[in-house]
Amino acid sequence: MPKVSIIVPIYNVERYLDRCVQSLLNQTLKDIEIILVDDGSPDNCPTLCNEYARKDSRIKVIHKKNAGLGFARNSGLDIANGEYIAFVDSDDYVSENMYEQLYNETVAQNFDIVYCGVNAQKRNGKIIREHVTDRIITKDEIITVLGNMIACDVHSKQERSEPMSVWHAIYKTEIIDRYHIRFMSEREILSEDILFDIQLLPHCKNIRFIPQALYHYCYNNTSLTQTFSEDKLSRNLALLQEMIFILQKQGLAHLEQRALRFFIGYNRVFLKNILLSHYGYKKKKALCHELYNNKGWNIIFLKYPISQMSLPHRFILLTIKHKLFHINFIIYKLLHYFQK
């Protein structure tokens, strides 16, 4: 049994794939398997995957019809044999000692999850190091950590205080298999990672965070997280509904308020993206009104303690509630002007 199975979904990333795969082949932890999931990629990636597999027996290749990132990860989970599971996005790469460091942390105390820090590389080449605090999380504290992965409480100015992405960690395969934890499609819901977290963490007994930034997240123009599309508004509502359903199923209904804040936070980002986009005035107005009319706001204005939010957040929410497009338009135009 390999110590770690590393699942890499691949679609239209020929430009970045070799950097990613080489960082895995050169791991100081040699007892790994690398599962390359070709998600119907239209470029040369399928051929490259086959070539990698011919050169290194640790590589497995799955060729499948395109269905998106979440389902590609699921295909990898279905055949993974490792003691732990890891996920890497194919336009990113990892430090050569990443999996040795993460796995070695599990040896002494048999952790269910080990997280590391992240180097986020911007398109302009600037690197932002995202550390995590060096600590061990016991069973009694895990739900608190999960809540902060979803969103901070109403009084906090920051959106979340714990990273929610799945690609800077290793996860015990036994738990994933026992509870048949799988990803949903990002084509239906906005963030497949947070739903994976909500399904997995309540079943864990201990978690380890190490501060070293070993995962290298690279921004690019085609990344799913770096683009805006109109369907994000409906997928955010679908995510909210699914989060509430799973939290209730897990006996964690007290975290519902965090799910509501998650919805609010993403819509604030969408509002900013729309108003600072290159769309014309009429298009911006139409998209903003689509955002204002999202059915999720009915839940927010009924259940969320808006009066306890910070003043800037509360003000933006009131402009959304009363559909004050012109106020939003002027605010973001001024912010853009003064931030130049």
Protein backbone atom coordinates (compact mmCIF):
# COMPACT_ATOMS: atom_id res chain seq x y z
CA MET A 1 0.00 0.00 0.00
CA PRO A 2 1.46 3.42 -0.97
CA LYS A 3 1.74 5.93 1.85
CA VAL A 4 0.00 8.70 -0.15
CA SER A 5 -2.22 8.67 -3.25
CA ILE A 6 -2.02 12.03 -5.05
CA ILE A 7 -5.00 12.80 -7.28
CA VAL A 8 -4.49 15.32 -10.10
CA PRO A 9 -7.53 16.37 -12.21
CA ILE A 10 -6.38 17.52 -15.64
CA TYR A 11 -8.16 19.66 -18.22
CA ASN A 12 -6.61 21.97 -20.80
CA VAL A 13 -3.43 22.65 -18.80
CA GLU A 14 -0.76 21.52 -21.26
CA ARG A 15 1.21 24.67 -20.47
CA TYR A 16 1.47 23.83 -16.74
CA LEU A 17 1.22 20.04 -16.55
CA ASP A 18 4.91 19.12 -16.67
CA ARG A 19 5.76 21.54 -13.84
CA CYS A 20 3.07 19.92 -11.71
CA VAL A 21 3.93 16.29 -12.51
CA GLN A 22 7.68 16.78 -12.13
CA SER A 23 7.13 18.24 -8.65
CA LEU A 24 5.32 15.00 -7.76
CA LEU A 25 7.79 12.63 -9.39
CA ASN A 26 10.62 14.33 -7.50
CA GLN A 27 9.03 13.94 -4.07
CA THR A 28 11.44 12.88 -1.35
CA LEU A 29 8.71 10.50 -0.20
CA LYS A 30 9.04 7.80 -2.85
CA ASP A 31 6.27 5.46 -1.68
CA ILE A 32 3.44 7.30 -3.41
CA GLU A 33 1.03 6.76 -6.27
CA ILE A 34 0.12 9.57 -8.64
CA ILE A 35 -3.33 9.38 -10.23
CA LEU A 36 -3.63 11.60 -13.31
CA VAL A 37 -7.30 12.07 -14.24
CA ASP A 38 -7.65 13.28 -17.82
CA ASP A 39 -11.07 14.91 -17.74
CA GLY A 40 -11.58 14.79 -21.51
CA SER A 41 -8.87 17.39 -22.05
CA PRO A 42 -8.96 18.77 -25.65
CA ASP A 43 -5.21 19.56 -25.82
CA ASN A 44 -2.13 17.33 -25.67
CA CYS A 45 -2.63 16.44 -21.98
CA PRO A 46 -4.03 12.91 -22.60
CA THR A 47 -0.90 11.97 -24.57
CA LEU A 48 1.38 13.54 -21.97
CA CYS A 49 -0.36 11.58 -19.21
CA ASN A 50 0.24 8.30 -21.04
CA GLU A 51 3.90 9.18 -21.55
CA TYR A 52 4.36 9.90 -17.84
CA ALA A 53 2.79 6.54 -16.99
CA ARG A 54 5.11 4.68 -19.35
CA LYS A 55 8.15 6.23 -17.66
CA ASP A 56 7.13 5.75 -14.00
CA SER A 57 5.15 2.82 -12.62
CA ARG A 58 3.84 4.95 -9.74
CA ILE A 59 1.62 6.83 -12.16
CA LYS A 60 -1.92 5.70 -12.97
CA VAL A 61 -3.94 7.40 -15.70
CA ILE A 62 -7.70 7.69 -16.01
CA HIS A 63 -9.21 8.97 -19.25
CA LYS A 64 -12.82 10.02 -18.86
CA LYS A 65 -15.49 12.14 -20.45
CA ASN A 66 -15.36 15.75 -19.30
CA ALA A 67 -17.51 16.27 -16.19
CA GLY A 68 -15.59 18.84 -14.15
CA LEU A 69 -13.07 19.03 -11.32
CA GLY A 70 -15.17 17.50 -8.56
CA PHE A 71 -16.12 14.37 -10.50
CA ALA A 72 -12.54 13.99 -11.77
CA ARG A 73 -11.35 13.89 -8.16
CA ASN A 74 -14.03 11.28 -7.43
CA SER A 75 -12.70 9.08 -10.24
CA GLY A 76 -9.30 9.22 -8.58
CA LEU A 77 -10.77 8.39 -5.17
CA ASP A 78 -12.44 5.31 -6.65
CA ILE A 79 -9.09 3.68 -7.49
CA ALA A 80 -6.78 5.19 -4.85
CA ASN A 81 -4.86 2.64 -2.74
CA GLY A 82 -2.82 4.95 -0.52
CA GLU A 83 -2.97 5.17 3.25
CA TYR A 84 -3.61 8.90 2.80
CA ILE A 85 -5.16 10.93 -0.01
CA ALA A 86 -3.88 14.21 -1.42
CA PHE A 87 -5.25 16.50 -4.13
CA VAL A 88 -3.21 18.73 -6.44
CA ASP A 89 -4.60 21.08 -9.08
CA SER A 90 -2.72 20.56 -12.34
CA ASP A 91 -1.81 24.24 -12.82
CA ASP A 92 -0.15 24.27 -9.39
CA TYR A 93 2.89 22.45 -8.00
CA VAL A 94 4.30 21.36 -4.65
CA SER A 95 7.63 21.50 -2.82
CA GLU A 96 9.67 18.32 -3.25
CA ASN A 97 9.49 17.48 0.46
CA MET A 98 5.78 18.25 0.91
CA TYR A 99 4.41 14.74 1.27
CA GLU A 100 7.34 13.46 3.30
CA GLN A 101 6.79 16.26 5.82
CA LEU A 102 3.04 15.79 5.95
CA TYR A 103 3.25 12.01 6.21
CA ASN A 104 5.98 12.09 8.86
CA GLU A 105 3.66 14.15 11.05
CA THR A 106 1.17 11.26 11.05
CA VAL A 107 3.64 8.63 12.25
CA ALA A 108 3.78 9.62 15.92
CA GLN A 109 0.12 10.42 16.59
CA ASN A 110 -1.79 8.95 13.64
CA PHE A 111 -3.45 12.21 12.58
CA ASP A 112 -6.55 12.03 10.40
CA ILE A 113 -5.59 15.18 8.46
CA VAL A 114 -2.34 17.15 8.20
CA TYR A 115 -2.41 20.64 6.65
CA CYS A 116 0.49 22.85 5.55
CA GLY A 117 0.84 26.48 4.49
CA VAL A 118 0.57 27.80 0.92
CA ASN A 119 2.61 30.05 -1.37
CA ALA A 120 0.11 31.92 -3.54
CA GLN A 121 1.82 33.13 -6.71
CA LYS A 122 0.06 36.07 -8.34
CA ARG A 123 0.00 36.64 -12.10
CA ASN A 124 2.50 39.50 -11.69
CA GLY A 125 4.98 37.11 -10.05
CA LYS A 126 4.42 38.37 -6.51
CA ILE A 127 4.28 35.59 -3.90
CA ILE A 128 2.01 35.81 -0.88
CA ARG A 129 2.89 33.28 1.81
CA GLU A 130 -0.22 31.98 3.54
CA HIS A 131 0.94 30.40 6.79
CA VAL A 132 -1.16 28.29 9.09
CA THR A 133 -0.58 28.26 12.83
CA ASP A 134 1.53 25.34 14.09
CA ARG A 135 -0.88 23.36 16.25
CA ILE A 136 -2.72 20.12 16.97
CA ILE A 137 -6.52 20.11 16.93
CA THR A 138 -8.25 17.56 19.16
CA LYS A 139 -11.71 16.08 18.72
CA ASP A 140 -13.36 18.71 20.92
CA GLU A 141 -11.94 21.56 18.79
CA ILE A 142 -12.55 20.19 15.29
CA ILE A 143 -16.07 21.60 14.88
CA THR A 144 -14.79 25.05 15.84
CA VAL A 145 -12.13 24.77 13.12
CA LEU A 146 -14.76 23.61 10.62
CA GLY A 147 -16.96 26.59 11.48
CA ASN A 148 -14.05 28.95 10.78
CA MET A 149 -13.39 27.17 7.47
CA ILE A 150 -16.95 27.97 6.42
CA ALA A 151 -16.87 31.59 7.65
CA CYS A 152 -16.07 33.66 10.70
CA ASP A 153 -18.79 34.70 13.11
CA VAL A 154 -20.85 37.81 12.52
CA HIS A 155 -18.55 40.14 14.50
CA SER A 156 -15.37 39.41 12.55
CA LYS A 157 -14.18 41.62 9.71
CA GLN A 158 -12.40 38.75 7.95
CA GLU A 159 -14.35 36.22 5.95
CA ARG A 160 -12.73 33.07 7.38
CA SER A 161 -9.85 32.32 9.72
CA GLU A 162 -9.11 28.76 8.52
CA PRO A 163 -8.25 27.71 4.94
CA MET A 164 -10.91 25.53 3.31
CA SER A 165 -9.11 24.32 0.17
CA VAL A 166 -8.37 20.59 0.00
CA TRP A 167 -5.09 20.72 -1.90
CA HIS A 168 -2.70 21.62 0.96
CA ALA A 169 -3.31 18.52 3.08
CA ILE A 170 -3.30 14.75 3.30
CA TYR A 171 -6.45 12.93 4.43
CA LYS A 172 -6.77 9.49 5.94
CA THR A 173 -8.24 7.22 3.26
CA GLU A 174 -9.96 4.99 5.81
CA ILE A 175 -12.33 7.81 6.85
CA ILE A 176 -13.09 8.85 3.27
CA ASP A 177 -13.90 5.26 2.34
CA ARG A 178 -15.86 4.41 5.50
CA TYR A 179 -18.26 7.33 5.02
CA HIS A 180 -18.04 7.31 1.20
CA ILE A 181 -17.14 10.99 1.09
CA ARG A 182 -17.13 12.40 -2.42
CA PHE A 183 -17.09 15.77 -4.18
CA MET A 184 -20.09 17.43 -5.76
CA SER A 185 -19.81 19.05 -9.18
CA GLU A 186 -18.59 22.64 -9.25
CA ARG A 187 -20.92 23.03 -12.23
CA GLU A 188 -23.85 22.71 -9.84
CA ILE A 189 -22.52 24.29 -6.65
CA LEU A 190 -20.01 27.09 -6.17
CA SER A 191 -17.37 25.46 -3.95
CA GLU A 192 -16.88 21.71 -3.90
CA ASP A 193 -14.06 21.93 -1.33
CA ILE A 194 -16.11 23.28 1.59
CA LEU A 195 -18.73 20.54 1.19
CA PHE A 196 -15.95 17.94 1.30
CA ASP A 197 -14.72 19.56 4.54
CA ILE A 198 -18.19 19.53 6.07
CA GLN A 199 -18.63 15.85 5.27
CA LEU A 200 -15.16 14.80 6.48
CA LEU A 201 -14.08 16.82 9.52
CA PRO A 202 -16.87 15.76 11.92
CA HIS A 203 -15.61 12.17 11.59
CA CYS A 204 -11.99 13.03 12.50
CA LYS A 205 -10.44 12.58 15.94
CA ASN A 206 -7.39 14.84 15.49
CA ILE A 207 -5.86 17.23 12.96
CA ARG A 208 -2.36 18.66 12.59
CA PHE A 209 -1.38 22.03 11.10
CA ILE A 210 2.26 22.70 10.20
CA PRO A 211 3.34 26.24 9.24
CA GLN A 212 5.67 25.45 6.33
CA ALA A 213 4.32 26.74 2.99
CA LEU A 214 4.75 23.62 0.83
CA TYR A 215 1.93 23.97 -1.69
CA HIS A 216 2.35 26.48 -4.54
CA TYR A 217 -0.96 27.87 -5.75
CA CYS A 218 -0.61 29.65 -9.09
CA TYR A 219 -3.10 32.17 -10.39
CA ASN A 220 -3.83 31.96 -14.11
CA ASN A 221 -6.34 33.57 -16.43
CA THR A 222 -8.43 30.41 -16.96
CA SER A 223 -8.60 29.17 -13.36
CA LEU A 224 -12.15 28.44 -12.20
CA THR A 225 -11.66 30.62 -9.13
CA GLN A 226 -10.28 33.56 -11.10
CA THR A 227 -13.16 34.08 -13.53
CA PHE A 228 -16.68 35.46 -13.16
CA SER A 229 -19.67 33.95 -14.90
CA GLU A 230 -23.35 34.65 -14.43
CA ASP A 231 -24.10 31.11 -13.26
CA LYS A 232 -22.01 31.72 -10.13
CA LEU A 233 -25.03 33.49 -8.65
CA SER A 234 -27.26 30.43 -8.94
CA ARG A 235 -24.45 28.06 -7.92
CA ASN A 236 -23.90 30.11 -4.76
CA LEU A 237 -27.57 29.61 -3.85
CA ALA A 238 -27.29 25.88 -4.56
CA LEU A 239 -24.21 25.73 -2.34
CA LEU A 240 -26.00 27.49 0.52
CA GLN A 241 -28.89 25.04 0.32
CA GLU A 242 -26.54 22.04 0.22
CA MET A 243 -24.43 23.35 3.10
CA ILE A 244 -27.49 23.78 5.30
CA PHE A 245 -28.74 20.30 4.36
CA ILE A 246 -25.42 18.58 5.18
CA LEU A 247 -24.89 20.57 8.38
CA GLN A 248 -28.31 19.53 9.63
CA LYS A 249 -27.66 15.93 8.60
CA GLN A 250 -24.36 16.00 10.53
CA GLY A 251 -26.06 17.41 13.62
CA LEU A 252 -24.32 20.76 13.12
CA ALA A 253 -27.31 23.05 12.61
CA HIS A 254 -25.64 25.58 14.94
CA LEU A 255 -23.17 26.29 12.11
CA GLU A 256 -25.94 27.39 9.75
CA GLN A 257 -25.17 31.06 10.49
CA ARG A 258 -21.62 30.47 9.17
CA ALA A 259 -23.11 29.09 5.93
CA LEU A 260 -25.23 32.23 5.62
CA ARG A 261 -22.13 34.39 6.01
CA PHE A 262 -20.37 32.29 3.36
CA PHE A 263 -23.21 33.16 0.96
CA ILE A 264 -23.02 36.85 1.90
CA GLY A 265 -19.25 37.01 1.46
CA TYR A 266 -19.24 35.48 -1.99
CA ASN A 267 -22.05 37.78 -3.15
CA ARG A 268 -20.08 40.80 -1.98
CA VAL A 269 -17.19 39.58 -4.12
CA PHE A 270 -19.54 39.04 -7.07
CA LEU A 271 -20.97 42.53 -6.66
CA LYS A 272 -17.46 44.00 -6.75
CA ASN A 273 -16.46 41.85 -9.74
CA ILE A 274 -19.54 42.91 -11.69
CA LEU A 275 -19.14 46.62 -10.99
CA LEU A 276 -15.39 46.63 -11.72
CA SER A 277 -15.76 44.49 -14.84
CA HIS A 278 -15.50 45.64 -18.47
CA TYR A 279 -19.25 45.14 -18.97
CA GLY A 280 -21.28 48.13 -20.12
CA TYR A 281 -23.52 50.06 -17.74
CA LYS A 282 -26.74 48.26 -18.77
CA LYS A 283 -25.12 44.84 -18.41
CA LYS A 284 -23.76 45.72 -14.97
CA LYS A 285 -27.19 46.93 -13.88
CA ALA A 286 -28.89 43.76 -15.14
CA LEU A 287 -26.36 41.49 -13.38
CA CYS A 288 -26.62 43.44 -10.13
CA HIS A 289 -30.39 43.10 -10.15
CA GLU A 290 -30.01 39.38 -10.78
CA LEU A 291 -27.78 39.31 -7.67
CA TYR A 292 -30.28 41.42 -5.68
CA ASN A 293 -33.12 39.03 -6.59
CA ASN A 294 -31.30 35.83 -5.60
CA LYS A 295 -33.67 33.78 -3.43
CA GLY A 296 -30.90 33.20 -0.91
CA TRP A 297 -31.37 36.73 0.39
CA ASN A 298 -34.81 35.71 1.72
CA ILE A 299 -33.02 33.41 4.17
CA ILE A 300 -30.33 35.99 4.96
CA PHE A 301 -32.71 38.84 5.78
CA LEU A 302 -34.89 36.49 7.83
CA LYS A 303 -32.21 34.70 9.87
CA TYR A 304 -28.85 36.52 9.78
CA PRO A 305 -28.12 39.09 12.56
CA ILE A 306 -27.26 41.92 10.18
CA SER A 307 -27.38 44.50 12.97
CA GLN A 308 -24.33 42.86 14.56
CA MET A 309 -22.15 43.12 11.43
CA SER A 310 -19.41 45.71 10.99
CA LEU A 311 -20.71 49.00 9.60
CA PRO A 312 -19.24 48.64 6.05
CA HIS A 313 -20.59 45.09 5.69
CA ARG A 314 -23.98 46.12 7.07
CA PHE A 315 -24.16 49.07 4.67
CA ILE A 316 -23.43 46.92 1.61
CA LEU A 317 -26.08 44.42 2.69
CA LEU A 318 -28.66 47.19 3.03
CA THR A 319 -27.90 48.43 -0.49
CA ILE A 320 -28.45 44.88 -1.72
CA LYS A 321 -31.68 44.48 0.24
CA HIS A 322 -33.11 47.72 -1.17
CA LYS A 323 -31.58 47.12 -4.64
CA LEU A 324 -29.71 50.43 -4.66
CA PHE A 325 -27.74 49.87 -7.84
CA HIS A 326 -26.73 53.50 -8.30
CA ILE A 327 -25.27 53.63 -4.78
CA ASN A 328 -23.30 50.42 -5.41
CA PHE A 329 -22.13 51.73 -8.78
CA ILE A 330 -20.82 55.00 -7.30
CA ILE A 331 -19.16 53.32 -4.28
CA TYR A 332 -17.16 50.83 -6.35
CA LYS A 333 -16.26 53.42 -8.96
CA LEU A 334 -14.81 55.63 -6.21
CA LEU A 335 -13.01 52.70 -4.58
CA HIS A 336 -11.48 51.75 -7.91
CA TYR A 337 -10.38 55.34 -8.52
CA PHE A 338 -8.68 55.78 -5.14
CA GLN A 339 -7.01 52.36 -5.30
CA LYS A 340 -5.22 53.13 -8.57
